[in-house]
Amino acid sequence: MKGIAILLVILVHFDQNWTAPYNILQKVSAIGARAPQFFFVISAFLTWRSIEKNGIDKSFYLNRIKRLLPTYYIALVLAMLLPTVTIGEYSIGNIVAHFLLLHGLNPYWINTILGVAWYIGDLVLFYAICPLLKKAINNLLSSLIGFVITTGLSVLALVIYNRFGTEVMGNLEMFFTTFFFIHQLPVLMMGVVLYYIIEKTRAGEVKIFRALVFLGAAIIIVLVIFLVLHLNKKILASSFIAGLLFAWIFLLSHSMRWALSIKLFTPLAFLGKHSYGIYLFHYTIITCLVLIPHAESNVLLWLLFYFLVIAISSIVSIAEEKMERCYLLKSGKENHERI
């Protein structure tokens, strides 16, 4: 599923820089704007599984630093070496904040330089509050309460912005309606809820089919209310709805692991395995490729460049991983899994 999500992310960013020749492609690409919520769900699920197994100590953060920073720093430096393709102007403070992973705290910096770094900024903030969350969450009920509370905070933040902030901070709409960490918290909490649901299915306390039905019904109810009352960016963030949908898809894919293991899905599994590096490098590659003169209406050329972005991003990601692995082996450190 991560393979599909990364394809959608690349598609939406490619369409933003080189408009698709057909409306159907533009509509499909719009789905990619919500695909990072799927990565949030997966990351929160894996993080909570690690916390339940090993607790939160120094090694918890060291492991995440090893997973995040090498690829992130290489992508960051690469983007800064290509100023013509950098997103937005950036100051020394902005650069320092990115290297310290604090850019998520500033609405003017959160998605600059790399153009996709808002995901990393919000994910790091989640890691930072995990010790506080763990003190309050230790079972399915407490995780559901946490999900409800964080949803309430997201709604409150959106209502306050729409009531008082639109005129003052109108140019920051994307931050206050999407990138803001408060709006990603319910999505991350959904990953924690999924951890306890899946654990209960493994223990035989809950049937996976029943969990799918209940979660699906809840999503349908919320979605109907969301559409009928036109609540998008008024009361509910789009990322909230996407997070619920991707949570259900994640639970479904977990129940059908046997089907996803067939060779038909091998290319998608390959992209999913390298999705972190592909995510960090693809935007810089896109903005470089679109500088090449091209015919806007040529669909074959558009598709060729889209798949070229996927191929180059994959190659760069794999090359970076191999260099990192060689360094770890030479330094005598153990290898680590990707997020």
C-alpha atoms as a PDB file:
ATOM      1  CA  MET A   1       0.000   0.000   0.000  1.00  0.00           C
ATOM      2  CA  LYS A   2       2.922   2.354   0.597  1.00  0.00           C
ATOM      3  CA  GLY A   3       3.878   1.810  -3.045  1.00  0.00           C
ATOM      4  CA  ILE A   4       0.503   3.114  -4.229  1.00  0.00           C
ATOM      5  CA  ALA A   5       0.679   6.029  -1.808  1.00  0.00           C
ATOM      6  CA  ILE A   6       4.100   7.156  -3.064  1.00  0.00           C
ATOM      7  CA  LEU A   7       2.917   6.938  -6.678  1.00  0.00           C
ATOM      8  CA  LEU A   8       0.008   9.232  -5.808  1.00  0.00           C
ATOM      9  CA  VAL A   9       2.290  11.673  -3.997  1.00  0.00           C
ATOM     10  CA  ILE A  10       4.564  11.874  -7.032  1.00  0.00           C
ATOM     11  CA  LEU A  11       1.535  12.250  -9.310  1.00  0.00           C
ATOM     12  CA  VAL A  12       0.084  15.255  -7.478  1.00  0.00           C
ATOM     13  CA  HIS A  13       3.436  17.047  -7.329  1.00  0.00           C
ATOM     14  CA  PHE A  14       4.161  16.258 -10.968  1.00  0.00           C
ATOM     15  CA  ASP A  15       0.738  17.607 -11.979  1.00  0.00           C
ATOM     16  CA  GLN A  16       1.385  20.793  -9.969  1.00  0.00           C
ATOM     17  CA  ASN A  17       4.542  21.444 -11.982  1.00  0.00           C
ATOM     18  CA  TRP A  18       3.372  20.073 -15.329  1.00  0.00           C
ATOM     19  CA  THR A  19      -0.407  20.126 -15.639  1.00  0.00           C
ATOM     20  CA  ALA A  20      -1.815  16.813 -16.856  1.00  0.00           C
ATOM     21  CA  PRO A  21      -3.325  16.973 -20.373  1.00  0.00           C
ATOM     22  CA  TYR A  22      -6.553  15.266 -19.325  1.00  0.00           C
ATOM     23  CA  ASN A  23      -8.983  16.184 -16.555  1.00  0.00           C
ATOM     24  CA  ILE A  24      -9.189  12.583 -15.396  1.00  0.00           C
ATOM     25  CA  LEU A  25      -5.450  12.587 -14.653  1.00  0.00           C
ATOM     26  CA  GLN A  26      -5.789  15.867 -12.793  1.00  0.00           C
ATOM     27  CA  LYS A  27      -8.616  14.462 -10.657  1.00  0.00           C
ATOM     28  CA  VAL A  28      -6.663  11.300  -9.855  1.00  0.00           C
ATOM     29  CA  SER A  29      -3.573  13.349  -9.008  1.00  0.00           C
ATOM     30  CA  ALA A  30      -5.602  15.375  -6.483  1.00  0.00           C
ATOM     31  CA  ILE A  31      -5.916  12.204  -4.389  1.00  0.00           C
ATOM     32  CA  GLY A  32      -2.156  12.299  -3.930  1.00  0.00           C
ATOM     33  CA  ALA A  33      -2.436  15.444  -1.821  1.00  0.00           C
ATOM     34  CA  ARG A  34      -3.896  13.278   0.948  1.00  0.00           C
ATOM     35  CA  ALA A  35      -1.537  10.307   0.512  1.00  0.00           C
ATOM     36  CA  PRO A  36       0.906  11.483   3.246  1.00  0.00           C
ATOM     37  CA  GLN A  37      -1.854  10.701   5.755  1.00  0.00           C
ATOM     38  CA  PHE A  38      -1.369   7.039   4.874  1.00  0.00           C
ATOM     39  CA  PHE A  39       2.312   7.348   5.814  1.00  0.00           C
ATOM     40  CA  PHE A  40       1.297   9.006   9.089  1.00  0.00           C
ATOM     41  CA  VAL A  41      -1.018   6.087   9.914  1.00  0.00           C
ATOM     42  CA  ILE A  42       1.706   3.528   9.159  1.00  0.00           C
ATOM     43  CA  SER A  43       4.406   5.472  11.029  1.00  0.00           C
ATOM     44  CA  ALA A  44       2.233   5.873  14.128  1.00  0.00           C
ATOM     45  CA  PHE A  45       1.294   2.182  14.039  1.00  0.00           C
ATOM     46  CA  LEU A  46       4.940   1.044  13.786  1.00  0.00           C
ATOM     47  CA  THR A  47       6.061   3.573  16.382  1.00  0.00           C
ATOM     48  CA  TRP A  48       3.480   2.418  18.898  1.00  0.00           C
ATOM     49  CA  ARG A  49       4.318  -1.216  18.255  1.00  0.00           C
ATOM     50  CA  SER A  50       7.954  -0.395  19.040  1.00  0.00           C
ATOM     51  CA  ILE A  51       6.951   1.504  22.189  1.00  0.00           C
ATOM     52  CA  GLU A  52       4.793  -1.356  23.465  1.00  0.00           C
ATOM     53  CA  LYS A  53       7.597  -3.812  22.831  1.00  0.00           C
ATOM     54  CA  ASN A  54      10.661  -1.849  23.957  1.00  0.00           C
ATOM     55  CA  GLY A  55       9.348   1.190  25.831  1.00  0.00           C
ATOM     56  CA  ILE A  56      10.606   4.750  25.357  1.00  0.00           C
ATOM     57  CA  ASP A  57      14.227   5.369  26.239  1.00  0.00           C
ATOM     58  CA  LYS A  58      17.355   6.777  24.675  1.00  0.00           C
ATOM     59  CA  SER A  59      17.481   4.017  22.072  1.00  0.00           C
ATOM     60  CA  PHE A  60      13.941   4.879  20.932  1.00  0.00           C
ATOM     61  CA  TYR A  61      15.104   8.285  19.738  1.00  0.00           C
ATOM     62  CA  LEU A  62      18.511   7.105  18.524  1.00  0.00           C
ATOM     63  CA  ASN A  63      16.847   4.550  16.265  1.00  0.00           C
ATOM     64  CA  ARG A  64      14.554   7.188  14.785  1.00  0.00           C
ATOM     65  CA  ILE A  65      17.448   9.556  14.235  1.00  0.00           C
ATOM     66  CA  LYS A  66      19.265   6.810  12.325  1.00  0.00           C
ATOM     67  CA  ARG A  67      16.180   6.142  10.223  1.00  0.00           C
ATOM     68  CA  LEU A  68      15.308   9.747   9.442  1.00  0.00           C
ATOM     69  CA  LEU A  69      18.381  11.919   9.323  1.00  0.00           C
ATOM     70  CA  PRO A  70      20.910  10.508   6.797  1.00  0.00           C
ATOM     71  CA  THR A  71      18.499  10.452   3.848  1.00  0.00           C
ATOM     72  CA  TYR A  72      16.792  13.648   4.981  1.00  0.00           C
ATOM     73  CA  TYR A  73      20.071  15.592   5.223  1.00  0.00           C
ATOM     74  CA  ILE A  74      21.262  14.390   1.815  1.00  0.00           C
ATOM     75  CA  ALA A  75      17.937  15.401   0.236  1.00  0.00           C
ATOM     76  CA  LEU A  76      18.081  18.768   2.015  1.00  0.00           C
ATOM     77  CA  VAL A  77      21.613  19.549   0.832  1.00  0.00           C
ATOM     78  CA  LEU A  78      20.766  18.436  -2.709  1.00  0.00           C
ATOM     79  CA  ALA A  79      17.775  20.787  -2.785  1.00  0.00           C
ATOM     80  CA  MET A  80      19.865  23.705  -1.531  1.00  0.00           C
ATOM     81  CA  LEU A  81      22.529  23.044  -4.170  1.00  0.00           C
ATOM     82  CA  LEU A  82      19.824  23.581  -6.789  1.00  0.00           C
ATOM     83  CA  PRO A  83      18.442  27.034  -5.854  1.00  0.00           C
ATOM     84  CA  THR A  84      16.459  27.341  -9.077  1.00  0.00           C
ATOM     85  CA  VAL A  85      14.228  24.475  -7.973  1.00  0.00           C
ATOM     86  CA  THR A  86      13.981  25.361  -4.286  1.00  0.00           C
ATOM     87  CA  ILE A  87      10.488  26.043  -2.934  1.00  0.00           C
ATOM     88  CA  GLY A  88      10.248  29.539  -1.500  1.00  0.00           C
ATOM     89  CA  GLU A  89      12.875  31.861  -0.085  1.00  0.00           C
ATOM     90  CA  TYR A  90      14.738  30.672   2.977  1.00  0.00           C
ATOM     91  CA  SER A  91      16.865  32.314   5.613  1.00  0.00           C
ATOM     92  CA  ILE A  92      19.678  31.090   7.836  1.00  0.00           C
ATOM     93  CA  GLY A  93      17.090  30.507  10.565  1.00  0.00           C
ATOM     94  CA  ASN A  94      14.998  28.426   8.202  1.00  0.00           C
ATOM     95  CA  ILE A  95      17.979  26.300   7.178  1.00  0.00           C
ATOM     96  CA  VAL A  96      19.035  25.761  10.801  1.00  0.00           C
ATOM     97  CA  ALA A  97      15.453  24.861  11.752  1.00  0.00           C
ATOM     98  CA  HIS A  98      15.349  22.253   8.973  1.00  0.00           C
ATOM     99  CA  PHE A  99      18.617  20.689  10.091  1.00  0.00           C
ATOM    100  CA  LEU A 100      17.374  20.606  13.684  1.00  0.00           C
ATOM    101  CA  LEU A 101      14.008  19.228  12.536  1.00  0.00           C
ATOM    102  CA  LEU A 102      12.206  22.183  14.090  1.00  0.00           C
ATOM    103  CA  HIS A 103      10.789  23.654  10.868  1.00  0.00           C
ATOM    104  CA  GLY A 104       7.358  22.216  11.688  1.00  0.00           C
ATOM    105  CA  LEU A 105       6.970  24.853  14.403  1.00  0.00           C
ATOM    106  CA  ASN A 106       7.074  27.781  11.976  1.00  0.00           C
ATOM    107  CA  PRO A 107       4.214  28.176   9.451  1.00  0.00           C
ATOM    108  CA  TYR A 108       6.502  30.116   7.112  1.00  0.00           C
ATOM    109  CA  TRP A 109       9.192  27.421   7.082  1.00  0.00           C
ATOM    110  CA  ILE A 110       7.353  24.122   7.428  1.00  0.00           C
ATOM    111  CA  ASN A 111       7.170  23.294   3.710  1.00  0.00           C
ATOM    112  CA  THR A 112      10.070  25.233   2.208  1.00  0.00           C
ATOM    113  CA  ILE A 113      13.434  24.100   0.770  1.00  0.00           C
ATOM    114  CA  LEU A 114      12.443  20.489   0.024  1.00  0.00           C
ATOM    115  CA  GLY A 115       8.814  21.264  -0.763  1.00  0.00           C
ATOM    116  CA  VAL A 116       7.717  18.096   1.046  1.00  0.00           C
ATOM    117  CA  ALA A 117       9.411  18.525   4.438  1.00  0.00           C
ATOM    118  CA  TRP A 118       6.182  19.311   6.319  1.00  0.00           C
ATOM    119  CA  TYR A 119       5.630  15.561   6.734  1.00  0.00           C
ATOM    120  CA  ILE A 120       9.001  15.140   8.461  1.00  0.00           C
ATOM    121  CA  GLY A 121       8.398  18.190  10.658  1.00  0.00           C
ATOM    122  CA  ASP A 122       5.058  16.894  11.918  1.00  0.00           C
ATOM    123  CA  LEU A 123       6.332  13.341  12.354  1.00  0.00           C
ATOM    124  CA  VAL A 124       9.191  14.560  14.554  1.00  0.00           C
ATOM    125  CA  LEU A 125       6.728  16.508  16.711  1.00  0.00           C
ATOM    126  CA  PHE A 126       4.772  13.266  17.175  1.00  0.00           C
ATOM    127  CA  TYR A 127       7.939  11.480  18.310  1.00  0.00           C
ATOM    128  CA  ALA A 128       8.596  14.319  20.747  1.00  0.00           C
ATOM    129  CA  ILE A 129       5.231  13.922  22.516  1.00  0.00           C
ATOM    130  CA  CYS A 130       5.204  10.105  22.502  1.00  0.00           C
ATOM    131  CA  PRO A 131       6.359   9.906  26.168  1.00  0.00           C
ATOM    132  CA  LEU A 132       3.382  12.056  27.215  1.00  0.00           C
ATOM    133  CA  LEU A 133       0.986  10.060  25.066  1.00  0.00           C
ATOM    134  CA  LYS A 134       2.245   6.746  26.451  1.00  0.00           C
ATOM    135  CA  LYS A 135       1.482   7.852  30.008  1.00  0.00           C
ATOM    136  CA  ALA A 136      -2.180   8.238  29.068  1.00  0.00           C
ATOM    137  CA  ILE A 137      -2.596   5.514  26.437  1.00  0.00           C
ATOM    138  CA  ASN A 138      -2.144   1.816  27.119  1.00  0.00           C
ATOM    139  CA  ASN A 139      -5.178   0.079  25.621  1.00  0.00           C
ATOM    140  CA  LEU A 140      -7.834   0.363  22.923  1.00  0.00           C
ATOM    141  CA  LEU A 141     -10.237   2.456  25.014  1.00  0.00           C
ATOM    142  CA  SER A 142      -7.626   5.033  26.010  1.00  0.00           C
ATOM    143  CA  SER A 143      -6.392   5.243  22.411  1.00  0.00           C
ATOM    144  CA  LEU A 144      -9.949   5.896  21.206  1.00  0.00           C
ATOM    145  CA  ILE A 145     -10.326   8.610  23.855  1.00  0.00           C
ATOM    146  CA  GLY A 146      -7.046  10.092  22.666  1.00  0.00           C
ATOM    147  CA  PHE A 147      -8.326  10.035  19.090  1.00  0.00           C
ATOM    148  CA  VAL A 148     -11.540  11.841  20.102  1.00  0.00           C
ATOM    149  CA  ILE A 149      -9.627  14.477  22.100  1.00  0.00           C
ATOM    150  CA  THR A 150      -7.141  15.195  19.305  1.00  0.00           C
ATOM    151  CA  THR A 151     -10.008  15.366  16.812  1.00  0.00           C
ATOM    152  CA  GLY A 152     -11.649  17.963  19.047  1.00  0.00           C
ATOM    153  CA  LEU A 153      -8.414  19.972  19.154  1.00  0.00           C
ATOM    154  CA  SER A 154      -8.182  19.867  15.363  1.00  0.00           C
ATOM    155  CA  VAL A 155     -11.779  21.042  14.981  1.00  0.00           C
ATOM    156  CA  LEU A 156     -11.244  23.827  17.525  1.00  0.00           C
ATOM    157  CA  ALA A 157      -8.066  25.025  15.795  1.00  0.00           C
ATOM    158  CA  LEU A 158      -9.815  25.084  12.413  1.00  0.00           C
ATOM    159  CA  VAL A 159     -12.849  26.941  13.740  1.00  0.00           C
ATOM    160  CA  ILE A 160     -10.659  29.553  15.450  1.00  0.00           C
ATOM    161  CA  TYR A 161      -8.637  30.079  12.277  1.00  0.00           C
ATOM    162  CA  ASN A 162     -11.759  30.448  10.111  1.00  0.00           C
ATOM    163  CA  ARG A 163     -13.298  32.853  12.612  1.00  0.00           C
ATOM    164  CA  PHE A 164     -10.336  35.071  13.430  1.00  0.00           C
ATOM    165  CA  GLY A 165      -7.319  34.187  11.314  1.00  0.00           C
ATOM    166  CA  THR A 166      -8.338  34.223   7.662  1.00  0.00           C
ATOM    167  CA  GLU A 167      -7.949  37.977   7.220  1.00  0.00           C
ATOM    168  CA  VAL A 168      -4.753  38.250   9.253  1.00  0.00           C
ATOM    169  CA  MET A 169      -3.045  35.067   8.008  1.00  0.00           C
ATOM    170  CA  GLY A 170      -4.776  34.383   4.712  1.00  0.00           C
ATOM    171  CA  ASN A 171      -1.493  33.575   2.956  1.00  0.00           C
ATOM    172  CA  LEU A 172      -0.948  30.768   5.462  1.00  0.00           C
ATOM    173  CA  GLU A 173      -4.193  28.952   4.730  1.00  0.00           C
ATOM    174  CA  MET A 174      -2.412  25.751   3.682  1.00  0.00           C
ATOM    175  CA  PHE A 175      -0.622  25.599   7.017  1.00  0.00           C
ATOM    176  CA  PHE A 176      -3.635  26.274   9.236  1.00  0.00           C
ATOM    177  CA  THR A 177      -5.944  23.947   7.288  1.00  0.00           C
ATOM    178  CA  THR A 178      -3.549  21.102   6.421  1.00  0.00           C
ATOM    179  CA  PHE A 179       0.108  21.185   7.528  1.00  0.00           C
ATOM    180  CA  PHE A 180      -0.571  22.242  11.130  1.00  0.00           C
ATOM    181  CA  PHE A 181       0.506  19.448  13.498  1.00  0.00           C
ATOM    182  CA  ILE A 182      -2.796  19.685  15.378  1.00  0.00           C
ATOM    183  CA  HIS A 183      -4.602  18.529  12.224  1.00  0.00           C
ATOM    184  CA  GLN A 184      -2.289  15.534  11.799  1.00  0.00           C
ATOM    185  CA  LEU A 185      -2.611  14.380  15.412  1.00  0.00           C
ATOM    186  CA  PRO A 186      -5.976  12.591  14.903  1.00  0.00           C
ATOM    187  CA  VAL A 187      -4.494  10.787  11.895  1.00  0.00           C
ATOM    188  CA  LEU A 188      -1.458   9.728  13.934  1.00  0.00           C
ATOM    189  CA  MET A 189      -3.722   8.682  16.802  1.00  0.00           C
ATOM    190  CA  MET A 190      -5.673   6.532  14.349  1.00  0.00           C
ATOM    191  CA  GLY A 191      -2.456   4.590  13.771  1.00  0.00           C
ATOM    192  CA  VAL A 192      -2.222   4.005  17.534  1.00  0.00           C
ATOM    193  CA  VAL A 193      -5.864   2.863  17.622  1.00  0.00           C
ATOM    194  CA  LEU A 194      -5.120   0.426  14.794  1.00  0.00           C
ATOM    195  CA  TYR A 195      -2.257  -1.056  16.787  1.00  0.00           C
ATOM    196  CA  TYR A 196      -4.599  -2.037  19.625  1.00  0.00           C
ATOM    197  CA  ILE A 197      -7.320  -3.226  17.229  1.00  0.00           C
ATOM    198  CA  ILE A 198      -4.875  -5.495  15.405  1.00  0.00           C
ATOM    199  CA  GLU A 199      -3.466  -6.796  18.691  1.00  0.00           C
ATOM    200  CA  LYS A 200      -6.989  -7.711  19.785  1.00  0.00           C
ATOM    201  CA  THR A 201      -7.636  -9.500  16.487  1.00  0.00           C
ATOM    202  CA  ARG A 202      -4.426 -11.485  16.961  1.00  0.00           C
ATOM    203  CA  ALA A 203      -5.484 -12.421  20.485  1.00  0.00           C
ATOM    204  CA  GLY A 204      -8.871 -13.538  19.170  1.00  0.00           C
ATOM    205  CA  GLU A 205     -10.723 -10.930  21.242  1.00  0.00           C
ATOM    206  CA  VAL A 206     -12.015  -9.118  18.157  1.00  0.00           C
ATOM    207  CA  LYS A 207     -12.850 -10.522  14.728  1.00  0.00           C
ATOM    208  CA  ILE A 208     -11.067  -8.667  11.937  1.00  0.00           C
ATOM    209  CA  PHE A 209     -14.257  -8.632   9.858  1.00  0.00           C
ATOM    210  CA  ARG A 210     -16.183  -7.002  12.690  1.00  0.00           C
ATOM    211  CA  ALA A 211     -13.453  -4.379  13.131  1.00  0.00           C
ATOM    212  CA  LEU A 212     -13.575  -3.594   9.413  1.00  0.00           C
ATOM    213  CA  VAL A 213     -17.367  -3.250   9.481  1.00  0.00           C
ATOM    214  CA  PHE A 214     -17.439  -0.971  12.533  1.00  0.00           C
ATOM    215  CA  LEU A 215     -14.590   1.230  11.299  1.00  0.00           C
ATOM    216  CA  GLY A 216     -16.093   1.329   7.808  1.00  0.00           C
ATOM    217  CA  ALA A 217     -19.503   2.320   9.167  1.00  0.00           C
ATOM    218  CA  ALA A 218     -17.972   5.114  11.249  1.00  0.00           C
ATOM    219  CA  ILE A 219     -16.105   6.417   8.217  1.00  0.00           C
ATOM    220  CA  ILE A 220     -19.233   6.364   6.053  1.00  0.00           C
ATOM    221  CA  ILE A 221     -21.203   8.314   8.675  1.00  0.00           C
ATOM    222  CA  VAL A 222     -18.466  10.937   9.025  1.00  0.00           C
ATOM    223  CA  LEU A 223     -18.013  11.125   5.248  1.00  0.00           C
ATOM    224  CA  VAL A 224     -21.721  11.644   4.609  1.00  0.00           C
ATOM    225  CA  ILE A 225     -21.887  14.420   7.221  1.00  0.00           C
ATOM    226  CA  PHE A 226     -18.679  15.891   5.795  1.00  0.00           C
ATOM    227  CA  LEU A 227     -20.081  16.026   2.245  1.00  0.00           C
ATOM    228  CA  VAL A 228     -23.645  17.041   3.037  1.00  0.00           C
ATOM    229  CA  LEU A 229     -22.684  19.919   5.322  1.00  0.00           C
ATOM    230  CA  HIS A 230     -19.644  20.971   3.221  1.00  0.00           C
ATOM    231  CA  LEU A 231     -17.355  20.880   6.255  1.00  0.00           C
ATOM    232  CA  ASN A 232     -14.083  20.713   4.319  1.00  0.00           C
ATOM    233  CA  LYS A 233     -11.650  23.191   5.901  1.00  0.00           C
ATOM    234  CA  LYS A 234     -14.530  24.714   7.881  1.00  0.00           C
ATOM    235  CA  ILE A 235     -14.824  22.292  10.774  1.00  0.00           C
ATOM    236  CA  LEU A 236     -13.023  19.167   9.616  1.00  0.00           C
ATOM    237  CA  ALA A 237      -9.617  19.143   7.939  1.00  0.00           C
ATOM    238  CA  SER A 238      -9.359  17.170   4.708  1.00  0.00           C
ATOM    239  CA  SER A 239      -6.495  15.239   6.270  1.00  0.00           C
ATOM    240  CA  PHE A 240      -8.890  13.934   8.936  1.00  0.00           C
ATOM    241  CA  ILE A 241     -11.189  12.280   6.415  1.00  0.00           C
ATOM    242  CA  ALA A 242      -8.228  10.949   4.434  1.00  0.00           C
ATOM    243  CA  GLY A 243      -6.704   9.563   7.632  1.00  0.00           C
ATOM    244  CA  LEU A 244      -9.879   7.639   8.440  1.00  0.00           C
ATOM    245  CA  LEU A 245     -10.094   6.198   4.942  1.00  0.00           C
ATOM    246  CA  PHE A 246      -6.441   5.175   4.893  1.00  0.00           C
ATOM    247  CA  ALA A 247      -6.792   3.637   8.358  1.00  0.00           C
ATOM    248  CA  TRP A 248      -9.560   1.404   7.017  1.00  0.00           C
ATOM    249  CA  ILE A 249      -7.461   0.515   3.966  1.00  0.00           C
ATOM    250  CA  PHE A 250      -4.513  -0.295   6.245  1.00  0.00           C
ATOM    251  CA  LEU A 251      -6.692  -2.587   8.352  1.00  0.00           C
ATOM    252  CA  LEU A 252      -8.057  -4.228   5.205  1.00  0.00           C
ATOM    253  CA  SER A 253      -4.580  -4.768   3.767  1.00  0.00           C
ATOM    254  CA  HIS A 254      -3.472  -6.256   7.098  1.00  0.00           C
ATOM    255  CA  SER A 255      -6.295  -8.782   6.886  1.00  0.00           C
ATOM    256  CA  MET A 256      -5.320  -9.638   3.286  1.00  0.00           C
ATOM    257  CA  ARG A 257      -1.560  -9.920   3.635  1.00  0.00           C
ATOM    258  CA  TRP A 258      -1.642 -13.244   1.806  1.00  0.00           C
ATOM    259  CA  ALA A 259      -3.148 -11.591  -1.288  1.00  0.00           C
ATOM    260  CA  LEU A 260      -0.668  -8.721  -1.284  1.00  0.00           C
ATOM    261  CA  SER A 261       2.263 -11.156  -1.252  1.00  0.00           C
ATOM    262  CA  ILE A 262       1.652 -12.394  -4.821  1.00  0.00           C
ATOM    263  CA  LYS A 263       4.143 -11.404  -7.517  1.00  0.00           C
ATOM    264  CA  LEU A 264       1.683  -9.013  -9.151  1.00  0.00           C
ATOM    265  CA  PHE A 265       2.332  -6.572  -6.310  1.00  0.00           C
ATOM    266  CA  THR A 266       6.134  -6.948  -6.338  1.00  0.00           C
ATOM    267  CA  PRO A 267       6.802  -3.586  -8.078  1.00  0.00           C
ATOM    268  CA  LEU A 268       4.529  -1.804  -5.597  1.00  0.00           C
ATOM    269  CA  ALA A 269       6.236  -3.578  -2.696  1.00  0.00           C
ATOM    270  CA  PHE A 270       9.586  -2.424  -4.094  1.00  0.00           C
ATOM    271  CA  LEU A 271       8.414   1.202  -4.214  1.00  0.00           C
ATOM    272  CA  GLY A 272       6.954   0.865  -0.730  1.00  0.00           C
ATOM    273  CA  LYS A 273      10.233  -0.448   0.642  1.00  0.00           C
ATOM    274  CA  HIS A 274      12.084   2.604  -0.680  1.00  0.00           C
ATOM    275  CA  SER A 275       9.220   5.074  -0.214  1.00  0.00           C
ATOM    276  CA  TYR A 276      10.979   7.269   2.364  1.00  0.00           C
ATOM    277  CA  GLY A 277      13.897   8.105   0.098  1.00  0.00           C
ATOM    278  CA  ILE A 278      11.656   8.436  -2.954  1.00  0.00           C
ATOM    279  CA  TYR A 279       9.427  10.839  -1.028  1.00  0.00           C
ATOM    280  CA  LEU A 280      12.347  13.076  -0.039  1.00  0.00           C
ATOM    281  CA  PHE A 281      14.022  13.179  -3.454  1.00  0.00           C
ATOM    282  CA  HIS A 282      11.119  13.177  -5.917  1.00  0.00           C
ATOM    283  CA  TYR A 283      10.117  16.850  -5.710  1.00  0.00           C
ATOM    284  CA  THR A 284      13.623  18.102  -6.453  1.00  0.00           C
ATOM    285  CA  ILE A 285      13.811  15.704  -9.392  1.00  0.00           C
ATOM    286  CA  ILE A 286      10.423  16.870 -10.696  1.00  0.00           C
ATOM    287  CA  THR A 287      11.353  20.513 -10.612  1.00  0.00           C
ATOM    288  CA  CYS A 288      14.587  19.746 -12.454  1.00  0.00           C
ATOM    289  CA  LEU A 289      12.914  17.702 -15.195  1.00  0.00           C
ATOM    290  CA  VAL A 290      10.141  20.196 -15.913  1.00  0.00           C
ATOM    291  CA  LEU A 291      12.813  22.745 -16.829  1.00  0.00           C
ATOM    292  CA  ILE A 292      13.409  20.671 -19.963  1.00  0.00           C
ATOM    293  CA  PRO A 293      11.430  22.154 -22.895  1.00  0.00           C
ATOM    294  CA  HIS A 294       8.333  20.050 -23.550  1.00  0.00           C
ATOM    295  CA  ALA A 295       4.951  20.079 -25.278  1.00  0.00           C
ATOM    296  CA  GLU A 296       2.291  20.736 -22.658  1.00  0.00           C
ATOM    297  CA  SER A 297      -0.459  18.840 -24.491  1.00  0.00           C
ATOM    298  CA  ASN A 298       1.532  15.718 -25.305  1.00  0.00           C
ATOM    299  CA  VAL A 299       0.112  12.989 -23.042  1.00  0.00           C
ATOM    300  CA  LEU A 300       2.740  10.417 -24.018  1.00  0.00           C
ATOM    301  CA  LEU A 301       5.533  12.813 -23.112  1.00  0.00           C
ATOM    302  CA  TRP A 302       3.748  13.696 -19.866  1.00  0.00           C
ATOM    303  CA  LEU A 303       3.475  10.026 -18.895  1.00  0.00           C
ATOM    304  CA  LEU A 304       7.080   9.388 -19.948  1.00  0.00           C
ATOM    305  CA  PHE A 305       8.334  12.168 -17.671  1.00  0.00           C
ATOM    306  CA  TYR A 306       6.112  10.975 -14.814  1.00  0.00           C
ATOM    307  CA  PHE A 307       7.582   7.468 -14.957  1.00  0.00           C
ATOM    308  CA  LEU A 308      11.027   8.979 -15.419  1.00  0.00           C
ATOM    309  CA  VAL A 309      10.582  10.800 -12.088  1.00  0.00           C
ATOM    310  CA  ILE A 310       9.635   7.503 -10.439  1.00  0.00           C
ATOM    311  CA  ALA A 311      12.655   5.746 -11.924  1.00  0.00           C
ATOM    312  CA  ILE A 312      15.189   8.457 -11.055  1.00  0.00           C
ATOM    313  CA  SER A 313      13.757   8.889  -7.534  1.00  0.00           C
ATOM    314  CA  SER A 314      14.027   5.141  -6.967  1.00  0.00           C
ATOM    315  CA  ILE A 315      17.601   4.995  -8.263  1.00  0.00           C
ATOM    316  CA  VAL A 316      18.698   7.937  -6.106  1.00  0.00           C
ATOM    317  CA  SER A 317      16.956   6.465  -3.063  1.00  0.00           C
ATOM    318  CA  ILE A 318      18.541   3.033  -3.540  1.00  0.00           C
ATOM    319  CA  ALA A 319      21.989   4.561  -4.129  1.00  0.00           C
ATOM    320  CA  GLU A 320      21.679   6.595  -0.918  1.00  0.00           C
ATOM    321  CA  GLU A 321      20.581   3.528   1.048  1.00  0.00           C
ATOM    322  CA  LYS A 322      23.531   1.510  -0.249  1.00  0.00           C
ATOM    323  CA  MET A 323      25.984   4.259   0.699  1.00  0.00           C
ATOM    324  CA  GLU A 324      24.422   4.455   4.129  1.00  0.00           C
ATOM    325  CA  ARG A 325      24.565   0.679   4.524  1.00  0.00           C
ATOM    326  CA  CYS A 326      28.240   0.618   3.534  1.00  0.00           C
ATOM    327  CA  TYR A 327      29.002   3.296   6.103  1.00  0.00           C
ATOM    328  CA  LEU A 328      27.163   1.358   8.809  1.00  0.00           C
ATOM    329  CA  LEU A 329      29.028  -1.837   7.963  1.00  0.00           C
ATOM    330  CA  LYS A 330      32.399  -0.080   7.946  1.00  0.00           C
ATOM    331  CA  SER A 331      31.663   1.617  11.242  1.00  0.00           C
ATOM    332  CA  GLY A 332      30.571  -1.692  12.783  1.00  0.00           C
ATOM    333  CA  LYS A 333      27.006  -0.505  13.398  1.00  0.00           C
ATOM    334  CA  GLU A 334      23.998  -2.703  12.852  1.00  0.00           C
ATOM    335  CA  ASN A 335      21.700  -2.020   9.938  1.00  0.00           C
ATOM    336  CA  HIS A 336      18.253  -0.644  10.616  1.00  0.00           C
ATOM    337  CA  GLU A 337      14.808  -0.786   9.100  1.00  0.00           C
ATOM    338  CA  ARG A 338      13.235   2.020   7.144  1.00  0.00           C
ATOM    339  CA  ILE A 339      10.117   3.755   8.402  1.00  0.00           C
END
